[in-house]
PDB file of N, CA and C in Angstrom:
ATOM      1  N   MET A   1       0.823  -1.196   0.000  1.00  0.00           N
ATOM      2  CA  MET A   1       0.000   0.000   0.000  1.00  0.00           C
ATOM      3  C   MET A   1       0.867   1.261   0.000  1.00  0.00           C
ATOM      4  N   TYR A   2       1.909   1.272   0.827  1.00  0.00           N
ATOM      5  CA  TYR A   2       2.811   2.415   0.905  1.00  0.00           C
ATOM      6  C   TYR A   2       3.490   2.663  -0.442  1.00  0.00           C
ATOM      7  N   PHE A   3       3.945   1.581  -1.100  1.00  0.00           N
ATOM      8  CA  PHE A   3       4.578   1.699  -2.409  1.00  0.00           C
ATOM      9  C   PHE A   3       3.621   2.332  -3.409  1.00  0.00           C
ATOM     10  N   MET A   4       2.378   1.891  -3.426  1.00  0.00           N
ATOM     11  CA  MET A   4       1.394   2.443  -4.360  1.00  0.00           C
ATOM     12  C   MET A   4       1.130   3.927  -4.069  1.00  0.00           C
ATOM     13  N   LEU A   5       1.128   4.307  -2.811  1.00  0.00           N
ATOM     14  CA  LEU A   5       0.958   5.712  -2.447  1.00  0.00           C
ATOM     15  C   LEU A   5       2.107   6.545  -3.017  1.00  0.00           C
ATOM     16  N   LYS A   6       3.342   6.030  -2.908  1.00  0.00           N
ATOM     17  CA  LYS A   6       4.495   6.731  -3.461  1.00  0.00           C
ATOM     18  C   LYS A   6       4.367   6.873  -4.974  1.00  0.00           C
ATOM     19  N   VAL A   7       3.953   5.821  -5.647  1.00  0.00           N
ATOM     20  CA  VAL A   7       3.803   5.852  -7.105  1.00  0.00           C
ATOM     21  C   VAL A   7       2.716   6.855  -7.502  1.00  0.00           C
ATOM     22  N   ILE A   8       1.602   6.829  -6.823  1.00  0.00           N
ATOM     23  CA  ILE A   8       0.481   7.725  -7.164  1.00  0.00           C
ATOM     24  C   ILE A   8       0.870   9.189  -6.947  1.00  0.00           C
ATOM     25  N   ILE A   9       1.475   9.505  -5.818  1.00  0.00           N
ATOM     26  CA  ILE A   9       1.871  10.887  -5.538  1.00  0.00           C
ATOM     27  C   ILE A   9       2.883  11.364  -6.576  1.00  0.00           C
ATOM     28  N   THR A  10       3.866  10.539  -6.879  1.00  0.00           N
ATOM     29  CA  THR A  10       4.889  10.910  -7.853  1.00  0.00           C
ATOM     30  C   THR A  10       4.294  11.079  -9.240  1.00  0.00           C
ATOM     31  N   ALA A  11       3.419  10.169  -9.645  1.00  0.00           N
ATOM     32  CA  ALA A  11       2.777  10.265 -10.960  1.00  0.00           C
ATOM     33  C   ALA A  11       1.913  11.511 -11.058  1.00  0.00           C
ATOM     34  N   LEU A  12       1.151  11.803 -10.014  1.00  0.00           N
ATOM     35  CA  LEU A  12       0.321  13.010 -10.021  1.00  0.00           C
ATOM     36  C   LEU A  12       1.165  14.270 -10.168  1.00  0.00           C
ATOM     37  N   LEU A  13       2.312  14.283  -9.541  1.00  0.00           N
ATOM     38  CA  LEU A  13       3.206  15.428  -9.648  1.00  0.00           C
ATOM     39  C   LEU A  13       3.673  15.623 -11.091  1.00  0.00           C
ATOM     40  N   VAL A  14       4.109  14.563 -11.730  1.00  0.00           N
ATOM     41  CA  VAL A  14       4.598  14.649 -13.112  1.00  0.00           C
ATOM     42  C   VAL A  14       3.472  15.062 -14.056  1.00  0.00           C
ATOM     43  N   VAL A  15       2.309  14.452 -13.916  1.00  0.00           N
ATOM     44  CA  VAL A  15       1.170  14.800 -14.773  1.00  0.00           C
ATOM     45  C   VAL A  15       0.750  16.247 -14.526  1.00  0.00           C
ATOM     46  N   GLY A  16       0.730  16.672 -13.282  1.00  0.00           N
ATOM     47  CA  GLY A  16       0.365  18.051 -12.967  1.00  0.00           C
ATOM     48  C   GLY A  16       1.305  19.052 -13.615  1.00  0.00           C
ATOM     49  N   ILE A  17       2.596  18.759 -13.591  1.00  0.00           N
ATOM     50  CA  ILE A  17       3.574  19.646 -14.214  1.00  0.00           C
ATOM     51  C   ILE A  17       3.364  19.698 -15.723  1.00  0.00           C
ATOM     52  N   SER A  18       3.132  18.548 -16.358  1.00  0.00           N
ATOM     53  CA  SER A  18       2.942  18.546 -17.816  1.00  0.00           C
ATOM     54  C   SER A  18       1.654  19.279 -18.193  1.00  0.00           C
ATOM     55  N   GLU A  19       0.616  19.133 -17.406  1.00  0.00           N
ATOM     56  CA  GLU A  19      -0.641  19.857 -17.679  1.00  0.00           C
ATOM     57  C   GLU A  19      -0.453  21.361 -17.501  1.00  0.00           C
ATOM     58  N   ALA A  20       0.262  21.760 -16.468  1.00  0.00           N
ATOM     59  CA  ALA A  20       0.540  23.182 -16.260  1.00  0.00           C
ATOM     60  C   ALA A  20       1.367  23.727 -17.419  1.00  0.00           C
ATOM     61  N   GLY A  21       2.317  22.934 -17.889  1.00  0.00           N
ATOM     62  CA  GLY A  21       3.161  23.349 -18.998  1.00  0.00           C
ATOM     63  C   GLY A  21       2.399  23.536 -20.301  1.00  0.00           C
ATOM     64  N   LYS A  22       1.342  22.738 -20.511  1.00  0.00           N
ATOM     65  CA  LYS A  22       0.532  22.896 -21.719  1.00  0.00           C
ATOM     66  C   LYS A  22      -0.226  24.217 -21.707  1.00  0.00           C
ATOM     67  N   ARG A  23      -0.682  24.605 -20.548  1.00  0.00           N
ATOM     68  CA  ARG A  23      -1.511  25.812 -20.439  1.00  0.00           C
ATOM     69  C   ARG A  23      -0.687  27.076 -20.211  1.00  0.00           C
ATOM     70  N   PHE A  24       0.339  26.955 -19.388  1.00  0.00           N
ATOM     71  CA  PHE A  24       1.159  28.104 -18.998  1.00  0.00           C
ATOM     72  C   PHE A  24       2.621  27.687 -19.062  1.00  0.00           C
ATOM     73  N   THR A  25       3.279  27.990 -20.170  1.00  0.00           N
ATOM     74  CA  THR A  25       4.641  27.519 -20.397  1.00  0.00           C
ATOM     75  C   THR A  25       5.586  27.903 -19.268  1.00  0.00           C
ATOM     76  N   THR A  26       5.531  29.152 -18.849  1.00  0.00           N
ATOM     77  CA  THR A  26       6.451  29.606 -17.804  1.00  0.00           C
ATOM     78  C   THR A  26       6.195  28.888 -16.485  1.00  0.00           C
ATOM     79  N   LEU A  27       4.930  28.736 -16.116  1.00  0.00           N
ATOM     80  CA  LEU A  27       4.608  28.006 -14.886  1.00  0.00           C
ATOM     81  C   LEU A  27       5.092  26.565 -14.978  1.00  0.00           C
ATOM     82  N   GLY A  28       4.862  25.925 -16.119  1.00  0.00           N
ATOM     83  CA  GLY A  28       5.345  24.555 -16.314  1.00  0.00           C
ATOM     84  C   GLY A  28       6.851  24.471 -16.178  1.00  0.00           C
ATOM     85  N   ALA A  29       7.551  25.455 -16.746  1.00  0.00           N
ATOM     86  CA  ALA A  29       9.014  25.470 -16.657  1.00  0.00           C
ATOM     87  C   ALA A  29       9.474  25.657 -15.213  1.00  0.00           C
ATOM     88  N   VAL A  30       8.821  26.571 -14.502  1.00  0.00           N
ATOM     89  CA  VAL A  30       9.197  26.807 -13.100  1.00  0.00           C
ATOM     90  C   VAL A  30       8.966  25.534 -12.282  1.00  0.00           C
ATOM     91  N   LEU A  31       7.800  24.925 -12.444  1.00  0.00           N
ATOM     92  CA  LEU A  31       7.501  23.698 -11.683  1.00  0.00           C
ATOM     93  C   LEU A  31       8.456  22.565 -12.041  1.00  0.00           C
ATOM     94  N   ALA A  32       8.745  22.430 -13.339  1.00  0.00           N
ATOM     95  CA  ALA A  32       9.648  21.360 -13.762  1.00  0.00           C
ATOM     96  C   ALA A  32      11.074  21.598 -13.279  1.00  0.00           C
ATOM     97  N   SER A  33      11.458  22.871 -13.148  1.00  0.00           N
ATOM     98  CA  SER A  33      12.825  23.164 -12.721  1.00  0.00           C
ATOM     99  C   SER A  33      13.012  23.044 -11.208  1.00  0.00           C
ATOM    100  N   LEU A  34      11.913  23.101 -10.481  1.00  0.00           N
ATOM    101  CA  LEU A  34      12.014  22.923  -9.029  1.00  0.00           C
ATOM    102  C   LEU A  34      12.433  21.487  -8.732  1.00  0.00           C
ATOM    103  N   PRO A  35      13.154  21.292  -7.679  1.00  0.00           N
ATOM    104  CA  PRO A  35      13.601  19.932  -7.354  1.00  0.00           C
ATOM    105  C   PRO A  35      12.499  19.109  -6.665  1.00  0.00           C
ATOM    106  N   LEU A  36      11.299  19.115  -7.265  1.00  0.00           N
ATOM    107  CA  LEU A  36      10.172  18.420  -6.632  1.00  0.00           C
ATOM    108  C   LEU A  36      10.371  16.910  -6.594  1.00  0.00           C
ATOM    109  N   THR A  37      10.889  16.341  -7.690  1.00  0.00           N
ATOM    110  CA  THR A  37      11.115  14.892  -7.661  1.00  0.00           C
ATOM    111  C   THR A  37      12.226  14.554  -6.681  1.00  0.00           C
ATOM    112  N   SER A  38      13.233  15.414  -6.598  1.00  0.00           N
ATOM    113  CA  SER A  38      14.298  15.196  -5.613  1.00  0.00           C
ATOM    114  C   SER A  38      13.738  15.300  -4.206  1.00  0.00           C
ATOM    115  N   LEU A  39      12.885  16.291  -3.984  1.00  0.00           N
ATOM    116  CA  LEU A  39      12.260  16.456  -2.680  1.00  0.00           C
ATOM    117  C   LEU A  39      11.476  15.201  -2.289  1.00  0.00           C
ATOM    118  N   LEU A  40      10.706  14.687  -3.235  1.00  0.00           N
ATOM    119  CA  LEU A  40       9.972  13.449  -2.952  1.00  0.00           C
ATOM    120  C   LEU A  40      10.922  12.291  -2.672  1.00  0.00           C
ATOM    121  N   ALA A  41      11.992  12.194  -3.449  1.00  0.00           N
ATOM    122  CA  ALA A  41      12.967  11.115  -3.218  1.00  0.00           C
ATOM    123  C   ALA A  41      13.578  11.237  -1.824  1.00  0.00           C
ATOM    124  N   PHE A  42      13.906  12.468  -1.420  1.00  0.00           N
ATOM    125  CA  PHE A  42      14.458  12.672  -0.074  1.00  0.00           C
ATOM    126  C   PHE A  42      13.462  12.210   0.992  1.00  0.00           C
ATOM    127  N   ILE A  43      12.215  12.588   0.800  1.00  0.00           N
ATOM    128  CA  ILE A  43      11.184  12.197   1.772  1.00  0.00           C
ATOM    129  C   ILE A  43      11.046  10.686   1.820  1.00  0.00           C
ATOM    130  N   TRP A  44      10.928  10.042   0.633  1.00  0.00           N
ATOM    131  CA  TRP A  44      10.740   8.580   0.603  1.00  0.00           C
ATOM    132  C   TRP A  44      11.937   7.881   1.239  1.00  0.00           C
ATOM    133  N   ILE A  45      13.155   8.329   0.933  1.00  0.00           N
ATOM    134  CA  ILE A  45      14.343   7.689   1.509  1.00  0.00           C
ATOM    135  C   ILE A  45      14.367   7.875   3.022  1.00  0.00           C
ATOM    136  N   TYR A  46      14.076   9.089   3.483  1.00  0.00           N
ATOM    137  CA  TYR A  46      14.106   9.327   4.924  1.00  0.00           C
ATOM    138  C   TYR A  46      13.027   8.516   5.642  1.00  0.00           C
ATOM    139  N   VAL A  47      11.815   8.502   5.091  1.00  0.00           N
ATOM    140  CA  VAL A  47      10.727   7.737   5.712  1.00  0.00           C
ATOM    141  C   VAL A  47      11.095   6.251   5.754  1.00  0.00           C
ATOM    142  N   ASP A  48      11.697   5.761   4.661  1.00  0.00           N
ATOM    143  CA  ASP A  48      12.040   4.336   4.592  1.00  0.00           C
ATOM    144  C   ASP A  48      13.222   3.965   5.483  1.00  0.00           C
ATOM    145  N   THR A  49      14.232   4.862   5.615  1.00  0.00           N
ATOM    146  CA  THR A  49      15.475   4.482   6.292  1.00  0.00           C
ATOM    147  C   THR A  49      15.787   5.277   7.558  1.00  0.00           C
ATOM    148  N   LYS A  50      15.201   6.474   7.705  1.00  0.00           N
ATOM    149  CA  LYS A  50      15.526   7.393   8.809  1.00  0.00           C
ATOM    150  C   LYS A  50      17.023   7.717   8.833  1.00  0.00           C
ATOM    151  N   ASP A  51      17.664   7.676   7.660  1.00  0.00           N
ATOM    152  CA  ASP A  51      19.108   7.856   7.559  1.00  0.00           C
ATOM    153  C   ASP A  51      19.432   9.192   6.893  1.00  0.00           C
ATOM    154  N   ASN A  52      19.846  10.165   7.719  1.00  0.00           N
ATOM    155  CA  ASN A  52      20.202  11.483   7.187  1.00  0.00           C
ATOM    156  C   ASN A  52      21.367  11.408   6.207  1.00  0.00           C
ATOM    157  N   GLN A  53      22.293  10.487   6.432  1.00  0.00           N
ATOM    158  CA  GLN A  53      23.461  10.376   5.560  1.00  0.00           C
ATOM    159  C   GLN A  53      23.080   9.928   4.148  1.00  0.00           C
ATOM    160  N   LYS A  54      22.096   9.050   4.041  1.00  0.00           N
ATOM    161  CA  LYS A  54      21.630   8.630   2.716  1.00  0.00           C
ATOM    162  C   LYS A  54      20.998   9.801   1.967  1.00  0.00           C
ATOM    163  N   VAL A  55      20.227  10.599   2.681  1.00  0.00           N
ATOM    164  CA  VAL A  55      19.600  11.778   2.066  1.00  0.00           C
ATOM    165  C   VAL A  55      20.678  12.773   1.649  1.00  0.00           C
ATOM    166  N   ALA A  56      21.655  13.004   2.514  1.00  0.00           N
ATOM    167  CA  ALA A  56      22.734  13.940   2.201  1.00  0.00           C
ATOM    168  C   ALA A  56      23.545  13.456   0.996  1.00  0.00           C
ATOM    169  N   ALA A  57      23.834  12.163   0.947  1.00  0.00           N
ATOM    170  CA  ALA A  57      24.603  11.616  -0.178  1.00  0.00           C
ATOM    171  C   ALA A  57      23.834  11.769  -1.488  1.00  0.00           C
ATOM    172  N   LEU A  58      22.543  11.497  -1.458  1.00  0.00           N
ATOM    173  CA  LEU A  58      21.735  11.658  -2.663  1.00  0.00           C
ATOM    174  C   LEU A  58      21.697  13.122  -3.080  1.00  0.00           C
ATOM    175  N   SER A  59      21.538  14.019  -2.130  1.00  0.00           N
ATOM    176  CA  SER A  59      21.507  15.446  -2.432  1.00  0.00           C
ATOM    177  C   SER A  59      22.804  15.895  -3.098  1.00  0.00           C
ATOM    178  N   TRP A  60      23.931  15.461  -2.576  1.00  0.00           N
ATOM    179  CA  TRP A  60      25.238  15.817  -3.137  1.00  0.00           C
ATOM    180  C   TRP A  60      25.370  15.292  -4.568  1.00  0.00           C
ATOM    181  N   GLU A  61      24.997  14.035  -4.784  1.00  0.00           N
ATOM    182  CA  GLU A  61      25.153  13.458  -6.115  1.00  0.00           C
ATOM    183  C   GLU A  61      24.174  14.066  -7.112  1.00  0.00           C
ATOM    184  N   ILE A  62      22.984  14.460  -6.655  1.00  0.00           N
ATOM    185  CA  ILE A  62      22.057  15.173  -7.544  1.00  0.00           C
ATOM    186  C   ILE A  62      22.682  16.502  -7.969  1.00  0.00           C
ATOM    187  N   LEU A  63      23.270  17.215  -7.031  1.00  0.00           N
ATOM    188  CA  LEU A  63      23.933  18.475  -7.356  1.00  0.00           C
ATOM    189  C   LEU A  63      24.990  18.260  -8.441  1.00  0.00           C
ATOM    190  N   LEU A  64      25.787  17.226  -8.306  1.00  0.00           N
ATOM    191  CA  LEU A  64      26.816  16.945  -9.308  1.00  0.00           C
ATOM    192  C   LEU A  64      26.214  16.604 -10.672  1.00  0.00           C
ATOM    193  N   MET A  65      25.048  15.986 -10.684  1.00  0.00           N
ATOM    194  CA  MET A  65      24.439  15.556 -11.943  1.00  0.00           C
ATOM    195  C   MET A  65      23.659  16.665 -12.649  1.00  0.00           C
ATOM    196  N   VAL A  66      23.440  17.789 -11.973  1.00  0.00           N
ATOM    197  CA  VAL A  66      22.751  18.909 -12.618  1.00  0.00           C
ATOM    198  C   VAL A  66      23.577  19.422 -13.797  1.00  0.00           C
ATOM    199  N   ILE A  67      24.873  19.444 -13.660  1.00  0.00           N
ATOM    200  CA  ILE A  67      25.740  20.013 -14.689  1.00  0.00           C
ATOM    201  C   ILE A  67      25.598  19.278 -16.027  1.00  0.00           C
ATOM    202  N   PRO A  68      25.748  17.952 -16.084  1.00  0.00           N
ATOM    203  CA  PRO A  68      25.580  17.312 -17.392  1.00  0.00           C
ATOM    204  C   PRO A  68      24.138  17.343 -17.900  1.00  0.00           C
ATOM    205  N   SER A  69      23.165  17.461 -17.019  1.00  0.00           N
ATOM    206  CA  SER A  69      21.773  17.514 -17.482  1.00  0.00           C
ATOM    207  C   SER A  69      21.489  18.791 -18.264  1.00  0.00           C
ATOM    208  N   LEU A  70      22.283  19.818 -18.055  1.00  0.00           N
ATOM    209  CA  LEU A  70      22.102  21.071 -18.783  1.00  0.00           C
ATOM    210  C   LEU A  70      22.316  20.893 -20.288  1.00  0.00           C
ATOM    211  N   VAL A  71      23.107  19.901 -20.669  1.00  0.00           N
ATOM    212  CA  VAL A  71      23.340  19.625 -22.091  1.00  0.00           C
ATOM    213  C   VAL A  71      22.012  19.363 -22.799  1.00  0.00           C
ATOM    214  N   PHE A  72      21.141  18.606 -22.172  1.00  0.00           N
ATOM    215  CA  PHE A  72      19.840  18.296 -22.778  1.00  0.00           C
ATOM    216  C   PHE A  72      19.053  19.568 -23.042  1.00  0.00           C
ATOM    217  N   PHE A  73      19.012  20.450 -22.067  1.00  0.00           N
ATOM    218  CA  PHE A  73      18.203  21.665 -22.176  1.00  0.00           C
ATOM    219  C   PHE A  73      18.817  22.690 -23.122  1.00  0.00           C
ATOM    220  N   MET A  74      20.082  22.534 -23.431  1.00  0.00           N
ATOM    221  CA  MET A  74      20.700  23.383 -24.448  1.00  0.00           C
ATOM    222  C   MET A  74      20.520  22.767 -25.838  1.00  0.00           C
ATOM    223  N   ALA A  75      20.686  21.454 -25.948  1.00  0.00           N
ATOM    224  CA  ALA A  75      20.628  20.786 -27.252  1.00  0.00           C
ATOM    225  C   ALA A  75      19.209  20.753 -27.821  1.00  0.00           C
ATOM    226  N   LEU A  76      18.216  20.451 -26.996  1.00  0.00           N
ATOM    227  CA  LEU A  76      16.857  20.272 -27.517  1.00  0.00           C
ATOM    228  C   LEU A  76      16.330  21.503 -28.245  1.00  0.00           C
ATOM    229  N   PRO A  77      16.338  22.690 -27.660  1.00  0.00           N
ATOM    230  CA  PRO A  77      15.793  23.830 -28.411  1.00  0.00           C
ATOM    231  C   PRO A  77      16.589  24.141 -29.680  1.00  0.00           C
ATOM    232  N   LEU A  78      17.910  23.923 -29.636  1.00  0.00           N
ATOM    233  CA  LEU A  78      18.711  24.160 -30.836  1.00  0.00           C
ATOM    234  C   LEU A  78      18.357  23.169 -31.938  1.00  0.00           C
ATOM    235  N   LEU A  79      18.202  21.908 -31.580  1.00  0.00           N
ATOM    236  CA  LEU A  79      17.861  20.886 -32.569  1.00  0.00           C
ATOM    237  C   LEU A  79      16.440  21.048 -33.098  1.00  0.00           C
ATOM    238  N   LEU A  80      15.542  21.525 -32.266  1.00  0.00           N
ATOM    239  CA  LEU A  80      14.163  21.732 -32.723  1.00  0.00           C
ATOM    240  C   LEU A  80      14.067  22.819 -33.800  1.00  0.00           C
ATOM    241  N   LYS A  81      15.074  23.652 -33.894  1.00  0.00           N
ATOM    242  CA  LYS A  81      15.096  24.669 -34.948  1.00  0.00           C
ATOM    243  C   LYS A  81      15.435  24.071 -36.314  1.00  0.00           C
ATOM    244  N   VAL A  82      16.059  22.881 -36.294  1.00  0.00           N
ATOM    245  CA  VAL A  82      16.522  22.301 -37.563  1.00  0.00           C
ATOM    246  C   VAL A  82      15.905  20.944 -37.893  1.00  0.00           C
ATOM    247  N   THR A  83      15.170  20.369 -36.968  1.00  0.00           N
ATOM    248  CA  THR A  83      14.574  19.056 -37.235  1.00  0.00           C
ATOM    249  C   THR A  83      13.275  18.904 -36.466  1.00  0.00           C
ATOM    250  N   ARG A  84      12.614  17.775 -36.688  1.00  0.00           N
ATOM    251  CA  ARG A  84      11.338  17.506 -36.029  1.00  0.00           C
ATOM    252  C   ARG A  84      11.550  17.109 -34.563  1.00  0.00           C
ATOM    253  N   PHE A  85      10.418  17.018 -33.844  1.00  0.00           N
ATOM    254  CA  PHE A  85      10.459  16.797 -32.401  1.00  0.00           C
ATOM    255  C   PHE A  85      11.160  15.492 -32.008  1.00  0.00           C
ATOM    256  N   TYR A  86      10.710  14.352 -32.536  1.00  0.00           N
ATOM    257  CA  TYR A  86      11.262  13.072 -32.072  1.00  0.00           C
ATOM    258  C   TYR A  86      12.740  12.899 -32.402  1.00  0.00           C
ATOM    259  N   PRO A  87      13.194  13.251 -33.604  1.00  0.00           N
ATOM    260  CA  PRO A  87      14.645  13.178 -33.834  1.00  0.00           C
ATOM    261  C   PRO A  87      15.425  14.117 -32.907  1.00  0.00           C
ATOM    262  N   ALA A  88      14.910  15.317 -32.679  1.00  0.00           N
ATOM    263  CA  ALA A  88      15.587  16.266 -31.782  1.00  0.00           C
ATOM    264  C   ALA A  88      15.640  15.708 -30.365  1.00  0.00           C
ATOM    265  N   LEU A  89      14.539  15.121 -29.923  1.00  0.00           N
ATOM    266  CA  LEU A  89      14.483  14.532 -28.585  1.00  0.00           C
ATOM    267  C   LEU A  89      15.472  13.376 -28.457  1.00  0.00           C
ATOM    268  N   LEU A  90      15.507  12.521 -29.469  1.00  0.00           N
ATOM    269  CA  LEU A  90      16.404  11.363 -29.448  1.00  0.00           C
ATOM    270  C   LEU A  90      17.869  11.803 -29.433  1.00  0.00           C
ATOM    271  N   VAL A  91      18.241  12.702 -30.312  1.00  0.00           N
ATOM    272  CA  VAL A  91      19.630  13.163 -30.363  1.00  0.00           C
ATOM    273  C   VAL A  91      20.004  13.873 -29.063  1.00  0.00           C
ATOM    274  N   SER A  92      19.118  14.683 -28.542  1.00  0.00           N
ATOM    275  CA  SER A  92      19.385  15.367 -27.267  1.00  0.00           C
ATOM    276  C   SER A  92      19.596  14.361 -26.145  1.00  0.00           C
ATOM    277  N   ALA A  93      18.755  13.332 -26.110  1.00  0.00           N
ATOM    278  CA  ALA A  93      18.875  12.306 -25.062  1.00  0.00           C
ATOM    279  C   ALA A  93      20.178  11.520 -25.204  1.00  0.00           C
ATOM    280  N   ILE A  94      20.535  11.159 -26.431  1.00  0.00           N
ATOM    281  CA  ILE A  94      21.783  10.413 -26.644  1.00  0.00           C
ATOM    282  C   ILE A  94      22.990  11.272 -26.275  1.00  0.00           C
ATOM    283  N   LEU A  95      22.983  12.520 -26.726  1.00  0.00           N
ATOM    284  CA  LEU A  95      24.071  13.431 -26.394  1.00  0.00           C
ATOM    285  C   LEU A  95      24.195  13.598 -24.883  1.00  0.00           C
ATOM    286  N   THR A  96      23.078  13.737 -24.211  1.00  0.00           N
ATOM    287  CA  THR A  96      23.083  13.880 -22.754  1.00  0.00           C
ATOM    288  C   THR A  96      23.616  12.618 -22.080  1.00  0.00           C
ATOM    289  N   ALA A  97      23.232  11.450 -22.590  1.00  0.00           N
ATOM    290  CA  ALA A  97      23.727  10.192 -22.022  1.00  0.00           C
ATOM    291  C   ALA A  97      25.244  10.096 -22.167  1.00  0.00           C
ATOM    292  N   VAL A  98      25.759  10.501 -23.309  1.00  0.00           N
ATOM    293  CA  VAL A  98      27.212  10.484 -23.516  1.00  0.00           C
ATOM    294  C   VAL A  98      27.903  11.428 -22.535  1.00  0.00           C
ATOM    295  N   VAL A  99      27.342  12.626 -22.391  1.00  0.00           N
ATOM    296  CA  VAL A  99      27.928  13.597 -21.464  1.00  0.00           C
ATOM    297  C   VAL A  99      27.845  13.091 -20.026  1.00  0.00           C
ATOM    298  N   TYR A 100      26.724  12.453 -19.649  1.00  0.00           N
ATOM    299  CA  TYR A 100      26.616  11.859 -18.307  1.00  0.00           C
ATOM    300  C   TYR A 100      27.712  10.819 -18.094  1.00  0.00           C
ATOM    301  N   PHE A 101      27.906   9.956 -19.081  1.00  0.00           N
ATOM    302  CA  PHE A 101      28.926   8.905 -18.966  1.00  0.00           C
ATOM    303  C   PHE A 101      30.308   9.530 -18.759  1.00  0.00           C
ATOM    304  N   LEU A 102      30.651  10.507 -19.596  1.00  0.00           N
ATOM    305  CA  LEU A 102      31.950  11.172 -19.468  1.00  0.00           C
ATOM    306  C   LEU A 102      32.072  11.915 -18.144  1.00  0.00           C
ATOM    307  N   TRP A 103      30.996  12.565 -17.726  1.00  0.00           N
ATOM    308  CA  TRP A 103      30.979  13.294 -16.450  1.00  0.00           C
ATOM    309  C   TRP A 103      31.198  12.336 -15.278  1.00  0.00           C
ATOM    310  N   MET A 104      30.522  11.187 -15.319  1.00  0.00           N
ATOM    311  CA  MET A 104      30.679  10.214 -14.236  1.00  0.00           C
ATOM    312  C   MET A 104      32.117   9.701 -14.170  1.00  0.00           C
ATOM    313  N   MET A 105      32.725   9.468 -15.329  1.00  0.00           N
ATOM    314  CA  MET A 105      34.132   9.036 -15.338  1.00  0.00           C
ATOM    315  C   MET A 105      35.014  10.105 -14.688  1.00  0.00           C
ATOM    316  N   LEU A 106      34.763  11.357 -15.025  1.00  0.00           N
ATOM    317  CA  LEU A 106      35.525  12.468 -14.459  1.00  0.00           C
ATOM    318  C   LEU A 106      35.294  12.576 -12.949  1.00  0.00           C
ATOM    319  N   MET A 107      34.044  12.460 -12.520  1.00  0.00           N
ATOM    320  CA  MET A 107      33.724  12.571 -11.090  1.00  0.00           C
ATOM    321  C   MET A 107      34.338  11.426 -10.299  1.00  0.00           C
ATOM    322  N   ARG A 108      34.341  10.217 -10.885  1.00  0.00           N
ATOM    323  CA  ARG A 108      34.989   9.079 -10.204  1.00  0.00           C
ATOM    324  C   ARG A 108      36.497   9.277 -10.119  1.00  0.00           C
ATOM    325  N   LYS A 109      37.075   9.773 -11.207  1.00  0.00           N
ATOM    326  CA  LYS A 109      38.529   9.982 -11.236  1.00  0.00           C
ATOM    327  C   LYS A 109      38.961  10.922 -10.116  1.00  0.00           C
ATOM    328  N   PHE A 110      38.170  11.950  -9.848  1.00  0.00           N
ATOM    329  CA  PHE A 110      38.518  12.917  -8.825  1.00  0.00           C
ATOM    330  C   PHE A 110      37.887  12.616  -7.453  1.00  0.00           C
ATOM    331  N   GLY A 111      37.206  11.464  -7.332  1.00  0.00           N
ATOM    332  CA  GLY A 111      36.690  11.016  -6.046  1.00  0.00           C
ATOM    333  C   GLY A 111      35.432  11.697  -5.549  1.00  0.00           C
ATOM    334  N   PHE A 112      34.667  12.327  -6.466  1.00  0.00           N
ATOM    335  CA  PHE A 112      33.437  12.987  -6.051  1.00  0.00           C
ATOM    336  C   PHE A 112      32.278  12.009  -5.875  1.00  0.00           C
ATOM    337  N   VAL A 113      32.283  10.905  -6.617  1.00  0.00           N
ATOM    338  CA  VAL A 113      31.237   9.885  -6.498  1.00  0.00           C
ATOM    339  C   VAL A 113      31.906   8.529  -6.437  1.00  0.00           C
ATOM    340  N   SER A 114      31.156   7.548  -5.937  1.00  0.00           N
ATOM    341  CA  SER A 114      31.726   6.212  -5.820  1.00  0.00           C
ATOM    342  C   SER A 114      31.455   5.369  -7.034  1.00  0.00           C
TER     343      SER A 114
END
């Protein structure tokens, strides 16, 4: 029951953001840019484990992962100017995955993540 509650709350949040984005682009962008999914993850982890260190570790690693995620938000609008939606989305996602992989190698090399 608890698992289903987590799924329902998380799904409602994502659907709510996409609906807001359809009607009010700026509001959708603000809601999507807020760390709402991270906030929920912190809550679920803390409720499940009562471990502040796990929450802190996740928070730190999320911060590190924000940097490569910016590639997606830069590539998608640029690609949408020259191609259709699905190819632009696919190329942006692949490019972002490559940057994540390279970023993770760099972060491991310097001891920022395990």
